Amino acid sequence: MLYHMFLSALSQGLLYAPMALGVYVTFCILKTPDLTVDGSFVFGMTACAAVTIAGHPFAALLVGAAAGALAGLLTALLQTRLRIEPILSGILVSTGLYTVNFAVLGGQSNLYLQSAVVSESGAVSNVSSKTVYRLFGALPACSQGFLSDANAQVLVLTLLFVLLLAALLSVFFFTRPGMAIRATGDNEEMVRSSSINADRMRTAGVMLANALVALSGALICQQQRYADLNCGNGMLVMGLASVIIGQVFFGRRGIILGLIGAVSGSLLYRIVLQAAYKVNMPSYAVKLLSALIVVAALAIPAARKALAHRRKGGHRA
């Protein structure tokens, strides 16, 4: 029982890891609060659902990420062109995306990944759409051993996605455009004085972050085989919790450790939630627990500093 709980927590944590990476890009690299997350997460999910039902599961992930990048572009344009505050820009785009997502889902609150098929006799039946997880589970290697478990299949395939993402981001942020995005977050005035288009770099960073968030929504859509209009509620808090937990354990000592910390924080966050469910915590208390996890993670560094200060004071005495 404990083994299956741990396996499920790890697989779920990896599914939300791209979202944590996206939140890390905006809050820690660009140092900009981006509240588009809740909307772009669902936008990636709904766009992925539409393309998956059309029979293109791999393309659906790319379309989902592109949908998030588009949401990030709109947010960035409000910030850089209309000079609207970042927090308000994110709220406006996220609010508008609710209507867009509702339209993509065909005017309903949820959509299952299935399509209607008419048989030779004229009977209509619903057939489950192919997803990347379903295709992976159909491989001969997944018929026995560790991979025979559905959670193990999700864990392994999502781990490959996350490792590839983390590696690409680690390389990207040491290229010239990546360094420019990092510099924009550190000192935008200096970047402007260096003849670098800071607005363009900020736009690229926000687009990248929301593409990662939407990719997480697309992966979850294919894993759970449905898209829901309300799945984005609380995603920002979840992403922040993952990033902050990662920083507690890995500190703020560079991009690579920051990316590793965001992924690790996502895993630890899901483990805590799974443990809470095991003690019969009601589902409506999840948001309160998420807030408490963020508060605790934020309090730990301050507590460490206070403890270190007391120890120094004691040694001096």
Protein backbone atom coordinates (compact mmCIF):
# COMPACT_ATOMS: atom_id res chain seq x y z
CA MET A 1 0.00 0.00 0.00
CA LEU A 2 2.77 2.44 0.95
CA TYR A 3 4.71 1.46 -2.18
CA HIS A 4 1.78 2.29 -4.47
CA MET A 5 1.17 5.58 -2.65
CA PHE A 6 4.82 6.58 -3.09
CA LEU A 7 4.81 5.54 -6.74
CA SER A 8 1.64 7.53 -7.41
CA ALA A 9 3.06 10.60 -5.63
CA LEU A 10 6.26 10.48 -7.69
CA SER A 11 4.39 10.11 -10.98
CA GLN A 12 2.05 13.00 -10.12
CA GLY A 13 4.97 15.12 -8.97
CA LEU A 14 6.73 14.63 -12.29
CA LEU A 15 3.57 15.54 -14.21
CA TYR A 16 3.48 18.89 -12.38
CA ALA A 17 7.27 19.39 -12.63
CA PRO A 18 7.15 21.34 -15.94
CA MET A 19 4.74 23.77 -14.28
CA ALA A 20 7.19 24.21 -11.38
CA LEU A 21 9.96 24.90 -13.92
CA GLY A 22 7.77 27.53 -15.57
CA VAL A 23 7.05 29.23 -12.25
CA TYR A 24 10.77 29.14 -11.48
CA VAL A 25 11.54 30.95 -14.75
CA THR A 26 9.18 33.86 -14.03
CA PHE A 27 9.54 34.24 -10.27
CA CYS A 28 13.23 33.41 -9.82
CA ILE A 29 14.92 34.20 -13.14
CA LEU A 30 12.79 37.07 -14.46
CA LYS A 31 11.81 38.04 -10.91
CA THR A 32 8.34 38.91 -12.17
CA PRO A 33 5.08 37.76 -10.57
CA ASP A 34 3.08 36.06 -13.32
CA LEU A 35 -0.51 35.15 -12.49
CA THR A 36 -1.22 33.75 -15.95
CA VAL A 37 -0.36 30.28 -14.65
CA ASP A 38 -3.88 29.16 -13.73
CA GLY A 39 -5.20 30.10 -17.16
CA SER A 40 -2.29 28.90 -19.30
CA PHE A 41 -2.29 25.54 -17.50
CA VAL A 42 -5.88 24.89 -18.57
CA PHE A 43 -5.24 26.37 -22.02
CA GLY A 44 -2.52 23.78 -22.60
CA MET A 45 -4.87 21.09 -21.34
CA THR A 46 -7.80 22.06 -23.56
CA ALA A 47 -5.66 22.55 -26.68
CA CYS A 48 -4.04 19.17 -26.07
CA ALA A 49 -7.46 17.53 -25.65
CA ALA A 50 -8.72 18.87 -28.97
CA VAL A 51 -5.67 17.67 -30.92
CA THR A 52 -5.52 14.32 -29.10
CA ILE A 53 -9.14 13.58 -30.01
CA ALA A 54 -8.22 14.40 -33.60
CA GLY A 55 -5.74 11.51 -33.44
CA HIS A 56 -2.37 13.23 -32.95
CA PRO A 57 -1.20 12.57 -29.36
CA PHE A 58 2.43 13.67 -29.82
CA ALA A 59 1.52 16.80 -31.76
CA ALA A 60 -1.05 17.53 -29.04
CA LEU A 61 1.74 18.06 -26.49
CA LEU A 62 3.46 20.56 -28.79
CA VAL A 63 0.18 22.35 -29.49
CA GLY A 64 -0.52 22.52 -25.76
CA ALA A 65 2.89 24.09 -25.11
CA ALA A 66 2.36 26.51 -28.01
CA ALA A 67 -0.99 27.54 -26.52
CA GLY A 68 0.78 28.40 -23.27
CA ALA A 69 3.42 30.38 -25.16
CA LEU A 70 0.61 32.37 -26.82
CA ALA A 71 -0.90 33.13 -23.42
CA GLY A 72 2.52 34.24 -22.19
CA LEU A 73 2.91 36.47 -25.27
CA LEU A 74 -0.37 38.24 -24.48
CA THR A 75 0.68 38.78 -20.87
CA ALA A 76 4.09 40.09 -21.91
CA LEU A 77 2.57 42.47 -24.47
CA LEU A 78 0.31 43.94 -21.81
CA GLN A 79 3.40 44.49 -19.65
CA THR A 80 5.78 45.82 -22.28
CA ARG A 81 3.50 47.63 -24.74
CA LEU A 82 0.66 48.91 -22.58
CA ARG A 83 2.83 49.17 -19.43
CA ILE A 84 0.25 47.38 -17.30
CA GLU A 85 1.55 46.03 -14.00
CA PRO A 86 2.71 42.36 -14.23
CA ILE A 87 0.24 41.14 -11.59
CA LEU A 88 -2.72 42.81 -13.29
CA SER A 89 -1.56 41.62 -16.74
CA GLY A 90 -1.57 38.01 -15.57
CA ILE A 91 -5.00 38.36 -13.99
CA LEU A 92 -6.47 39.90 -17.16
CA VAL A 93 -5.10 37.20 -19.47
CA SER A 94 -6.04 34.39 -17.10
CA THR A 95 -9.59 35.76 -16.83
CA GLY A 96 -9.91 36.04 -20.59
CA LEU A 97 -8.58 32.51 -21.07
CA TYR A 98 -11.53 31.13 -19.13
CA THR A 99 -13.82 32.00 -22.04
CA VAL A 100 -11.28 30.75 -24.60
CA ASN A 101 -10.92 27.42 -22.79
CA PHE A 102 -14.68 27.07 -22.51
CA ALA A 103 -14.95 27.55 -26.28
CA VAL A 104 -12.17 25.03 -27.01
CA LEU A 105 -14.01 22.46 -24.89
CA GLY A 106 -17.07 22.97 -27.05
CA GLY A 107 -19.08 24.97 -24.55
CA GLN A 108 -18.82 22.40 -21.76
CA SER A 109 -16.85 22.29 -18.53
CA ASN A 110 -15.00 19.06 -19.31
CA LEU A 111 -14.11 16.89 -22.26
CA TYR A 112 -13.09 13.24 -22.28
CA LEU A 113 -10.47 12.01 -24.71
CA GLN A 114 -12.78 9.91 -26.83
CA SER A 115 -14.37 10.13 -30.24
CA ALA A 116 -17.59 8.78 -31.72
CA VAL A 117 -17.21 5.91 -34.19
CA VAL A 118 -20.00 4.59 -36.41
CA SER A 119 -19.94 0.84 -37.01
CA GLU A 120 -21.07 -0.91 -40.20
CA SER A 121 -24.48 -1.51 -38.65
CA GLY A 122 -24.89 2.20 -37.99
CA ALA A 123 -24.38 1.95 -34.23
CA VAL A 124 -22.48 4.83 -32.63
CA SER A 125 -19.94 4.09 -29.90
CA ASN A 126 -17.30 6.11 -28.09
CA VAL A 127 -13.70 5.01 -28.56
CA SER A 128 -10.95 6.16 -26.24
CA SER A 129 -8.38 8.35 -28.00
CA LYS A 130 -4.75 7.31 -28.17
CA THR A 131 -2.41 9.14 -25.80
CA VAL A 132 1.36 9.02 -25.39
CA TYR A 133 0.87 7.08 -22.15
CA ARG A 134 -1.47 4.61 -23.77
CA LEU A 135 0.97 4.05 -26.64
CA PHE A 136 3.84 3.62 -24.20
CA GLY A 137 1.83 1.13 -22.14
CA ALA A 138 1.16 -0.92 -25.28
CA LEU A 139 4.89 -1.59 -25.78
CA PRO A 140 5.99 -5.22 -25.13
CA ALA A 141 8.41 -4.06 -22.40
CA CYS A 142 5.47 -2.69 -20.40
CA SER A 143 3.67 -6.02 -20.14
CA GLN A 144 5.74 -7.43 -17.29
CA GLY A 145 7.83 -6.47 -14.30
CA PHE A 146 8.00 -2.96 -12.88
CA LEU A 147 6.47 -1.37 -15.97
CA SER A 148 3.34 -3.50 -15.77
CA ASP A 149 2.02 -1.01 -13.19
CA ALA A 150 0.18 1.96 -14.75
CA ASN A 151 1.74 4.42 -12.28
CA ALA A 152 5.19 3.05 -13.12
CA GLN A 153 4.53 3.63 -16.83
CA VAL A 154 3.51 7.23 -16.14
CA LEU A 155 6.54 7.68 -13.88
CA VAL A 156 9.08 6.41 -16.41
CA LEU A 157 7.70 8.20 -19.46
CA THR A 158 7.17 11.51 -17.64
CA LEU A 159 10.64 11.23 -16.11
CA LEU A 160 12.09 11.08 -19.62
CA PHE A 161 10.13 14.21 -20.58
CA VAL A 162 11.22 16.10 -17.46
CA LEU A 163 14.87 15.11 -17.78
CA LEU A 164 14.87 16.28 -21.40
CA LEU A 165 13.21 19.57 -20.43
CA ALA A 166 15.62 20.22 -17.55
CA ALA A 167 18.63 19.44 -19.76
CA LEU A 168 17.41 21.74 -22.54
CA LEU A 169 16.72 24.56 -20.07
CA SER A 170 20.13 24.09 -18.44
CA VAL A 171 21.80 24.51 -21.82
CA PHE A 172 19.52 27.33 -22.97
CA PHE A 173 20.16 29.58 -19.99
CA PHE A 174 23.89 29.50 -20.74
CA THR A 175 23.41 30.58 -24.35
CA ARG A 176 23.40 34.25 -25.37
CA PRO A 177 19.55 34.61 -25.40
CA GLY A 178 19.30 32.72 -22.11
CA MET A 179 21.95 34.90 -20.50
CA ALA A 180 20.11 37.98 -21.76
CA ILE A 181 16.88 36.77 -20.12
CA ARG A 182 18.75 36.15 -16.87
CA ALA A 183 20.35 39.58 -17.04
CA THR A 184 16.95 41.18 -17.64
CA GLY A 185 15.69 39.65 -14.43
CA ASP A 186 18.78 40.70 -12.47
CA ASN A 187 19.11 44.30 -13.68
CA GLU A 188 16.81 45.50 -16.44
CA GLU A 189 18.29 49.01 -16.52
CA MET A 190 21.77 47.63 -17.13
CA VAL A 191 20.41 45.45 -19.94
CA ARG A 192 18.80 48.46 -21.60
CA SER A 193 22.03 50.43 -21.38
CA SER A 194 23.82 47.50 -23.08
CA SER A 195 21.71 47.88 -26.24
CA ILE A 196 19.77 44.69 -25.50
CA ASN A 197 16.02 44.82 -26.07
CA ALA A 198 14.85 44.15 -22.51
CA ASP A 199 11.17 44.07 -23.51
CA ARG A 200 11.90 41.36 -26.06
CA MET A 201 13.85 39.32 -23.50
CA ARG A 202 11.07 39.67 -20.94
CA THR A 203 8.53 38.59 -23.56
CA ALA A 204 10.62 35.53 -24.46
CA GLY A 205 10.97 34.58 -20.79
CA VAL A 206 7.26 34.87 -20.03
CA MET A 207 6.41 32.90 -23.18
CA LEU A 208 8.86 30.15 -22.22
CA ALA A 209 7.50 29.96 -18.68
CA ASN A 210 3.88 29.67 -19.78
CA ALA A 211 4.79 27.12 -22.45
CA LEU A 212 6.24 24.94 -19.69
CA VAL A 213 3.13 25.44 -17.54
CA ALA A 214 0.85 24.54 -20.45
CA LEU A 215 2.96 21.48 -21.29
CA SER A 216 2.33 20.26 -17.75
CA GLY A 217 -1.41 20.71 -18.34
CA ALA A 218 -1.12 18.79 -21.63
CA LEU A 219 0.71 15.89 -19.97
CA ILE A 220 -1.88 15.68 -17.20
CA CYS A 221 -4.68 15.81 -19.78
CA GLN A 222 -3.28 12.76 -21.56
CA GLN A 223 -2.53 10.95 -18.31
CA GLN A 224 -6.02 11.39 -16.82
CA ARG A 225 -7.67 11.25 -20.29
CA TYR A 226 -9.87 14.29 -19.90
CA ALA A 227 -9.65 18.08 -19.74
CA ASP A 228 -11.50 20.09 -17.13
CA LEU A 229 -12.12 23.82 -17.04
CA ASN A 230 -11.45 24.01 -13.30
CA CYS A 231 -8.17 22.07 -13.23
CA GLY A 232 -6.16 25.29 -13.12
CA ASN A 233 -7.45 26.44 -9.75
CA GLY A 234 -4.56 26.73 -7.31
CA MET A 235 -1.84 25.89 -9.85
CA LEU A 236 0.14 29.04 -9.04
CA VAL A 237 0.24 28.18 -5.34
CA MET A 238 1.29 24.64 -6.18
CA GLY A 239 4.06 25.89 -8.45
CA LEU A 240 5.29 28.39 -5.88
CA ALA A 241 5.27 25.72 -3.19
CA SER A 242 7.41 23.46 -5.38
CA VAL A 243 9.92 26.22 -6.14
CA ILE A 244 10.18 27.37 -2.53
CA ILE A 245 10.56 23.82 -1.20
CA GLY A 246 13.33 23.26 -3.75
CA GLN A 247 15.11 26.42 -2.64
CA VAL A 248 14.95 25.31 0.99
CA PHE A 249 16.93 22.17 0.14
CA PHE A 250 19.11 23.42 -2.74
CA GLY A 251 19.41 27.12 -1.96
CA ARG A 252 19.77 29.80 -4.63
CA ARG A 253 23.18 28.86 -5.93
CA GLY A 254 22.72 28.84 -9.69
CA ILE A 255 20.41 27.99 -12.55
CA ILE A 256 21.09 24.25 -12.68
CA LEU A 257 20.50 23.73 -8.96
CA GLY A 258 17.44 25.95 -9.23
CA LEU A 259 15.95 23.77 -11.97
CA ILE A 260 16.77 20.60 -10.02
CA GLY A 261 15.25 22.18 -6.92
CA ALA A 262 12.00 23.04 -8.73
CA VAL A 263 11.58 19.45 -9.93
CA SER A 264 12.51 18.03 -6.51
CA GLY A 265 10.13 20.45 -4.81
CA SER A 266 7.30 19.27 -7.04
CA LEU A 267 7.99 15.66 -6.03
CA LEU A 268 8.17 16.49 -2.31
CA TYR A 269 5.00 18.56 -2.52
CA ARG A 270 3.03 15.68 -4.02
CA ILE A 271 4.43 13.25 -1.45
CA VAL A 272 3.18 15.53 1.34
CA LEU A 273 -0.26 15.74 -0.28
CA GLN A 274 -0.45 11.97 -0.76
CA ALA A 275 0.48 11.44 2.89
CA ALA A 276 -2.25 13.90 3.91
CA TYR A 277 -4.82 11.95 1.89
CA LYS A 278 -3.75 8.79 3.72
CA VAL A 279 -4.81 10.33 7.03
CA ASN A 280 -8.29 10.90 5.57
CA MET A 281 -7.87 14.62 4.94
CA PRO A 282 -11.02 15.95 3.20
CA SER A 283 -10.51 17.08 -0.39
CA TYR A 284 -11.71 20.62 0.37
CA ALA A 285 -8.75 21.08 2.75
CA VAL A 286 -6.14 20.67 -0.01
CA LYS A 287 -5.91 24.40 -0.73
CA LEU A 288 -5.42 25.17 2.96
CA LEU A 289 -2.69 22.56 3.18
CA SER A 290 -1.03 24.02 0.07
CA ALA A 291 -1.01 27.46 1.65
CA LEU A 292 0.43 26.07 4.88
CA ILE A 293 3.18 24.27 2.95
CA VAL A 294 4.16 27.55 1.26
CA VAL A 295 4.15 29.41 4.59
CA ALA A 296 6.27 26.70 6.22
CA ALA A 297 8.73 26.68 3.31
CA LEU A 298 9.05 30.46 3.46
CA ALA A 299 9.55 30.40 7.23
CA ILE A 300 12.35 27.83 7.20
CA PRO A 301 15.09 30.15 5.77
CA ALA A 302 14.19 32.87 8.28
CA ALA A 303 14.26 30.33 11.10
CA ARG A 304 17.67 29.12 9.96
CA LYS A 305 19.06 32.65 9.95
CA ALA A 306 17.65 33.37 13.40
CA LEU A 307 19.12 30.12 14.74
CA ALA A 308 22.53 30.87 13.20
CA HIS A 309 22.44 34.40 14.65
CA ARG A 310 21.69 33.04 18.12
CA ARG A 311 24.53 30.55 17.88
CA LYS A 312 26.96 33.29 16.89
CA GLY A 313 25.73 35.42 19.75
CA GLY A 314 26.19 32.50 22.15
CA HIS A 315 29.75 31.87 20.97
CA ARG A 316 30.66 35.56 21.37
CA ALA A 317 29.30 35.57 24.88
